[in-house]
């Protein structure tokens, strides 16, 4: 079939290389999470306590950003999702710090031989504005995963009044990650 996609074809004229035959060393994961607002809970996003009230409803601290990143990491490594790893039916996880859970996920990936190349995330809400908290969120997410802050990109956006986030009913987050094989130290 003329024009059919061939992942191992020679490089294109514009210099874009083809995928090396049999090379599956890089993996992409996509994560999504959404929670509704709850009046008497603090709002935690990316490990940053943004305010003391009008937070998000959830079994843990309901940090939608950390949850989206966790699901992206687990998906990329083929290790399931956060609901399987950290079930909401586990009473020990009630009110859990999501950055602690993220650190656990990062250790699990490392144990499986994976390393984070980068994460790109977006928080979707009408309020609060993400920009004033972005640097702190990036730093806390990076620290929980044990990587440099330069590997964590974060933005905020609105839905211009559309949907549940647009109505102010809650907050959603999406994250995409790229992982690759962890470097191994050669021993003499």
C-alpha atoms as a PDB file:
ATOM      1  CA  UNK A   1       0.000   0.000   0.000  1.00  0.00           C
ATOM      2  CA  UNK A   2       1.633   3.225  -1.152  1.00  0.00           C
ATOM      3  CA  UNK A   3       2.073   5.865   1.536  1.00  0.00           C
ATOM      4  CA  UNK A   4       1.424   3.463   4.432  1.00  0.00           C
ATOM      5  CA  UNK A   5       3.227   4.222   7.687  1.00  0.00           C
ATOM      6  CA  UNK A   6       6.351   2.139   8.196  1.00  0.00           C
ATOM      7  CA  UNK A   7       7.981   2.726  11.618  1.00  0.00           C
ATOM      8  CA  UNK A   8      11.321   1.341  10.412  1.00  0.00           C
ATOM      9  CA  UNK A   9      11.461   3.188   7.090  1.00  0.00           C
ATOM     10  CA  UNK A  10      14.563   5.213   6.200  1.00  0.00           C
ATOM     11  CA  UNK A  11      14.759   8.756   7.607  1.00  0.00           C
ATOM     12  CA  UNK A  12      12.471  11.331   6.052  1.00  0.00           C
ATOM     13  CA  UNK A  13      13.813  14.141   3.900  1.00  0.00           C
ATOM     14  CA  UNK A  14      13.372  16.638   6.743  1.00  0.00           C
ATOM     15  CA  UNK A  15      15.798  14.644   8.876  1.00  0.00           C
ATOM     16  CA  UNK A  16      13.274  13.011  11.215  1.00  0.00           C
ATOM     17  CA  UNK A  17      14.790   9.602  11.999  1.00  0.00           C
ATOM     18  CA  UNK A  18      12.846   6.379  11.874  1.00  0.00           C
ATOM     19  CA  UNK A  19      12.395   4.248  14.970  1.00  0.00           C
ATOM     20  CA  UNK A  20      15.165   1.717  15.401  1.00  0.00           C
ATOM     21  CA  UNK A  21      13.803  -1.716  14.580  1.00  0.00           C
ATOM     22  CA  UNK A  22      12.852  -3.580  17.738  1.00  0.00           C
ATOM     23  CA  UNK A  23      13.625  -0.616  20.004  1.00  0.00           C
ATOM     24  CA  UNK A  24      10.921  -0.209  22.649  1.00  0.00           C
ATOM     25  CA  UNK A  25      13.082   1.485  25.237  1.00  0.00           C
ATOM     26  CA  UNK A  26      11.132   4.753  25.512  1.00  0.00           C
ATOM     27  CA  UNK A  27       7.576   4.774  26.807  1.00  0.00           C
ATOM     28  CA  UNK A  28       4.908   7.456  27.118  1.00  0.00           C
ATOM     29  CA  UNK A  29       2.214   7.535  29.785  1.00  0.00           C
ATOM     30  CA  UNK A  30      -0.898   9.690  30.080  1.00  0.00           C
ATOM     31  CA  UNK A  31      -2.604  10.468  33.366  1.00  0.00           C
ATOM     32  CA  UNK A  32      -5.841  12.256  34.217  1.00  0.00           C
ATOM     33  CA  UNK A  33      -7.605  13.026  37.468  1.00  0.00           C
ATOM     34  CA  UNK A  34     -10.522  15.187  38.568  1.00  0.00           C
ATOM     35  CA  UNK A  35     -12.058  15.982  41.942  1.00  0.00           C
ATOM     36  CA  UNK A  36     -14.990  18.117  43.034  1.00  0.00           C
ATOM     37  CA  UNK A  37     -14.639  20.917  45.530  1.00  0.00           C
ATOM     38  CA  UNK A  38     -15.276  20.320  49.241  1.00  0.00           C
ATOM     39  CA  UNK A  39     -15.693  23.364  51.489  1.00  0.00           C
ATOM     40  CA  UNK A  40     -13.980  22.220  54.664  1.00  0.00           C
ATOM     41  CA  UNK A  41     -10.800  20.766  53.173  1.00  0.00           C
ATOM     42  CA  UNK A  42      -7.513  22.439  52.286  1.00  0.00           C
ATOM     43  CA  UNK A  43      -6.673  22.761  48.597  1.00  0.00           C
ATOM     44  CA  UNK A  44      -3.449  20.920  47.760  1.00  0.00           C
ATOM     45  CA  UNK A  45      -2.059  21.011  44.212  1.00  0.00           C
ATOM     46  CA  UNK A  46       1.339  19.613  43.294  1.00  0.00           C
ATOM     47  CA  UNK A  47       2.118  19.256  46.992  1.00  0.00           C
ATOM     48  CA  UNK A  48       1.508  22.953  47.631  1.00  0.00           C
ATOM     49  CA  UNK A  49      -1.161  23.975  50.134  1.00  0.00           C
ATOM     50  CA  UNK A  50      -2.860  26.702  48.094  1.00  0.00           C
ATOM     51  CA  UNK A  51      -5.562  27.578  50.642  1.00  0.00           C
ATOM     52  CA  UNK A  52      -7.110  26.241  53.843  1.00  0.00           C
ATOM     53  CA  UNK A  53     -10.710  25.882  52.599  1.00  0.00           C
ATOM     54  CA  UNK A  54     -12.564  24.998  49.445  1.00  0.00           C
ATOM     55  CA  UNK A  55     -10.215  22.131  48.697  1.00  0.00           C
ATOM     56  CA  UNK A  56     -10.992  18.936  46.839  1.00  0.00           C
ATOM     57  CA  UNK A  57     -12.952  15.893  47.942  1.00  0.00           C
ATOM     58  CA  UNK A  58     -11.055  12.621  47.984  1.00  0.00           C
ATOM     59  CA  UNK A  59      -9.832   9.720  50.118  1.00  0.00           C
ATOM     60  CA  UNK A  60      -6.276  11.097  50.247  1.00  0.00           C
ATOM     61  CA  UNK A  61      -5.418  14.806  50.158  1.00  0.00           C
ATOM     62  CA  UNK A  62      -7.095  14.823  46.690  1.00  0.00           C
ATOM     63  CA  UNK A  63      -4.092  16.390  44.941  1.00  0.00           C
ATOM     64  CA  UNK A  64      -5.311  16.019  41.338  1.00  0.00           C
ATOM     65  CA  UNK A  65      -1.976  17.091  39.894  1.00  0.00           C
ATOM     66  CA  UNK A  66       0.076  14.519  41.807  1.00  0.00           C
ATOM     67  CA  UNK A  67      -2.555  11.871  40.991  1.00  0.00           C
ATOM     68  CA  UNK A  68      -2.393  12.596  37.258  1.00  0.00           C
ATOM     69  CA  UNK A  69       1.412  12.367  37.335  1.00  0.00           C
ATOM     70  CA  UNK A  70       1.264   9.056  39.238  1.00  0.00           C
ATOM     71  CA  UNK A  71      -1.182   7.546  36.765  1.00  0.00           C
ATOM     72  CA  UNK A  72       0.985   8.698  33.842  1.00  0.00           C
ATOM     73  CA  UNK A  73       4.089   7.098  35.381  1.00  0.00           C
ATOM     74  CA  UNK A  74       2.306   3.851  36.174  1.00  0.00           C
ATOM     75  CA  UNK A  75       0.752   3.714  32.711  1.00  0.00           C
ATOM     76  CA  UNK A  76       4.068   4.311  30.953  1.00  0.00           C
ATOM     77  CA  UNK A  77       5.686   1.464  32.894  1.00  0.00           C
ATOM     78  CA  UNK A  78       2.675  -0.848  32.413  1.00  0.00           C
ATOM     79  CA  UNK A  79       2.128  -1.044  36.173  1.00  0.00           C
ATOM     80  CA  UNK A  80      -1.594  -0.318  36.384  1.00  0.00           C
ATOM     81  CA  UNK A  81      -3.065   2.764  38.032  1.00  0.00           C
ATOM     82  CA  UNK A  82      -3.181   4.528  41.373  1.00  0.00           C
ATOM     83  CA  UNK A  83      -6.593   3.101  42.242  1.00  0.00           C
ATOM     84  CA  UNK A  84      -5.122  -0.399  42.125  1.00  0.00           C
ATOM     85  CA  UNK A  85      -1.897   0.503  43.916  1.00  0.00           C
ATOM     86  CA  UNK A  86      -3.519   2.781  46.511  1.00  0.00           C
ATOM     87  CA  UNK A  87      -7.189   1.712  46.834  1.00  0.00           C
ATOM     88  CA  UNK A  88      -9.592   4.207  48.380  1.00  0.00           C
ATOM     89  CA  UNK A  89     -10.932   1.322  50.487  1.00  0.00           C
ATOM     90  CA  UNK A  90      -7.639   1.228  52.444  1.00  0.00           C
ATOM     91  CA  UNK A  91      -8.251   3.115  55.702  1.00  0.00           C
ATOM     92  CA  UNK A  92      -4.498   3.702  56.148  1.00  0.00           C
ATOM     93  CA  UNK A  93      -4.582   5.917  53.039  1.00  0.00           C
ATOM     94  CA  UNK A  94      -7.300   8.240  54.385  1.00  0.00           C
ATOM     95  CA  UNK A  95      -5.912  11.768  54.125  1.00  0.00           C
ATOM     96  CA  UNK A  96      -2.617  10.457  52.688  1.00  0.00           C
ATOM     97  CA  UNK A  97      -0.030  12.937  51.410  1.00  0.00           C
ATOM     98  CA  UNK A  98      -0.074  12.471  47.631  1.00  0.00           C
ATOM     99  CA  UNK A  99       3.577  13.485  47.316  1.00  0.00           C
ATOM    100  CA  UNK A 100       4.455  10.538  49.565  1.00  0.00           C
ATOM    101  CA  UNK A 101       2.428   8.305  47.248  1.00  0.00           C
ATOM    102  CA  UNK A 102       4.202   9.840  44.237  1.00  0.00           C
ATOM    103  CA  UNK A 103       7.579   9.074  45.839  1.00  0.00           C
ATOM    104  CA  UNK A 104       6.439   5.455  46.277  1.00  0.00           C
ATOM    105  CA  UNK A 105       5.471   5.276  42.596  1.00  0.00           C
ATOM    106  CA  UNK A 106       8.851   6.745  41.588  1.00  0.00           C
ATOM    107  CA  UNK A 107      10.651   4.098  43.690  1.00  0.00           C
ATOM    108  CA  UNK A 108       8.511   1.363  42.127  1.00  0.00           C
ATOM    109  CA  UNK A 109       9.481   2.513  38.633  1.00  0.00           C
ATOM    110  CA  UNK A 110      13.157   2.659  39.617  1.00  0.00           C
ATOM    111  CA  UNK A 111      12.920  -0.889  41.002  1.00  0.00           C
ATOM    112  CA  UNK A 112      11.497  -1.967  37.636  1.00  0.00           C
ATOM    113  CA  UNK A 113      14.448  -0.347  35.840  1.00  0.00           C
ATOM    114  CA  UNK A 114      12.746   2.839  34.596  1.00  0.00           C
ATOM    115  CA  UNK A 115      13.868   6.458  34.835  1.00  0.00           C
ATOM    116  CA  UNK A 116      11.840   9.614  34.251  1.00  0.00           C
ATOM    117  CA  UNK A 117      12.919  11.652  31.247  1.00  0.00           C
ATOM    118  CA  UNK A 118      10.280  14.349  31.679  1.00  0.00           C
ATOM    119  CA  UNK A 119       6.748  15.134  32.776  1.00  0.00           C
ATOM    120  CA  UNK A 120       4.457  17.734  31.215  1.00  0.00           C
ATOM    121  CA  UNK A 121       1.297  18.559  33.158  1.00  0.00           C
ATOM    122  CA  UNK A 122      -1.626  20.936  33.031  1.00  0.00           C
ATOM    123  CA  UNK A 123      -4.097  21.877  35.778  1.00  0.00           C
ATOM    124  CA  UNK A 124      -7.564  22.715  34.457  1.00  0.00           C
ATOM    125  CA  UNK A 125      -9.608  25.115  36.588  1.00  0.00           C
ATOM    126  CA  UNK A 126     -11.178  28.551  36.617  1.00  0.00           C
ATOM    127  CA  UNK A 127      -9.575  29.297  39.968  1.00  0.00           C
ATOM    128  CA  UNK A 128      -7.130  29.424  41.623  1.00  0.00           C
ATOM    129  CA  UNK A 129      -4.619  30.773  39.137  1.00  0.00           C
ATOM    130  CA  UNK A 130      -1.712  28.341  38.874  1.00  0.00           C
ATOM    131  CA  UNK A 131       1.051  30.787  37.882  1.00  0.00           C
ATOM    132  CA  UNK A 132       1.768  32.101  41.424  1.00  0.00           C
ATOM    133  CA  UNK A 133       2.312  28.531  42.679  1.00  0.00           C
ATOM    134  CA  UNK A 134       3.952  26.974  39.595  1.00  0.00           C
ATOM    135  CA  UNK A 135       7.588  27.129  40.748  1.00  0.00           C
ATOM    136  CA  UNK A 136       6.796  25.600  44.148  1.00  0.00           C
ATOM    137  CA  UNK A 137       4.636  22.877  42.572  1.00  0.00           C
ATOM    138  CA  UNK A 138       7.353  21.965  40.068  1.00  0.00           C
ATOM    139  CA  UNK A 139       9.947  21.830  42.842  1.00  0.00           C
ATOM    140  CA  UNK A 140       7.833  19.615  45.096  1.00  0.00           C
ATOM    141  CA  UNK A 141       6.839  17.215  42.325  1.00  0.00           C
ATOM    142  CA  UNK A 142      10.465  16.960  41.172  1.00  0.00           C
ATOM    143  CA  UNK A 143      11.703  16.322  44.722  1.00  0.00           C
ATOM    144  CA  UNK A 144       9.105  13.582  45.263  1.00  0.00           C
ATOM    145  CA  UNK A 145      10.246  11.856  42.065  1.00  0.00           C
ATOM    146  CA  UNK A 146      13.942  12.418  42.776  1.00  0.00           C
ATOM    147  CA  UNK A 147      14.629  14.373  39.581  1.00  0.00           C
ATOM    148  CA  UNK A 148      15.716  17.890  38.702  1.00  0.00           C
ATOM    149  CA  UNK A 149      13.029  20.546  38.417  1.00  0.00           C
ATOM    150  CA  UNK A 150      14.023  21.002  34.766  1.00  0.00           C
ATOM    151  CA  UNK A 151      12.311  17.665  34.066  1.00  0.00           C
ATOM    152  CA  UNK A 152       8.910  18.915  35.259  1.00  0.00           C
ATOM    153  CA  UNK A 153       6.824  21.271  33.128  1.00  0.00           C
ATOM    154  CA  UNK A 154       3.546  22.654  34.460  1.00  0.00           C
ATOM    155  CA  UNK A 155       0.829  24.977  33.193  1.00  0.00           C
ATOM    156  CA  UNK A 156      -2.622  26.036  34.188  1.00  0.00           C
ATOM    157  CA  UNK A 157      -5.554  26.610  31.867  1.00  0.00           C
ATOM    158  CA  UNK A 158      -9.277  27.288  32.036  1.00  0.00           C
ATOM    159  CA  UNK A 159     -12.150  25.905  30.013  1.00  0.00           C
ATOM    160  CA  UNK A 160     -13.621  29.375  29.471  1.00  0.00           C
ATOM    161  CA  UNK A 161     -16.637  28.538  31.627  1.00  0.00           C
ATOM    162  CA  UNK A 162     -17.381  25.187  29.965  1.00  0.00           C
ATOM    163  CA  UNK A 163     -17.961  21.884  31.784  1.00  0.00           C
ATOM    164  CA  UNK A 164     -17.592  21.059  35.460  1.00  0.00           C
ATOM    165  CA  UNK A 165     -14.301  22.948  35.819  1.00  0.00           C
ATOM    166  CA  UNK A 166     -15.783  25.945  34.022  1.00  0.00           C
ATOM    167  CA  UNK A 167     -18.766  25.986  36.378  1.00  0.00           C
ATOM    168  CA  UNK A 168     -16.367  25.924  39.325  1.00  0.00           C
ATOM    169  CA  UNK A 169     -17.469  22.492  40.495  1.00  0.00           C
ATOM    170  CA  UNK A 170     -13.923  21.110  40.721  1.00  0.00           C
ATOM    171  CA  UNK A 171     -10.436  20.832  39.293  1.00  0.00           C
ATOM    172  CA  UNK A 172      -8.914  18.425  36.770  1.00  0.00           C
ATOM    173  CA  UNK A 173      -5.326  17.697  35.769  1.00  0.00           C
ATOM    174  CA  UNK A 174      -3.617  15.894  32.904  1.00  0.00           C
ATOM    175  CA  UNK A 175      -0.031  14.704  32.734  1.00  0.00           C
ATOM    176  CA  UNK A 176       2.100  13.032  30.119  1.00  0.00           C
ATOM    177  CA  UNK A 177       5.433  11.435  30.970  1.00  0.00           C
ATOM    178  CA  UNK A 178       8.320   9.997  29.015  1.00  0.00           C
ATOM    179  CA  UNK A 179      10.355   7.251  30.675  1.00  0.00           C
ATOM    180  CA  UNK A 180      13.335   5.228  29.561  1.00  0.00           C
ATOM    181  CA  UNK A 181      15.611   2.508  30.891  1.00  0.00           C
ATOM    182  CA  UNK A 182      17.499   3.578  33.993  1.00  0.00           C
ATOM    183  CA  UNK A 183      21.248   3.872  33.634  1.00  0.00           C
ATOM    184  CA  UNK A 184      23.068   1.056  35.351  1.00  0.00           C
ATOM    185  CA  UNK A 185      26.418   1.485  36.990  1.00  0.00           C
ATOM    186  CA  UNK A 186      29.043  -0.871  35.723  1.00  0.00           C
ATOM    187  CA  UNK A 187      31.050  -2.437  38.486  1.00  0.00           C
ATOM    188  CA  UNK A 188      34.697  -3.393  38.121  1.00  0.00           C
END
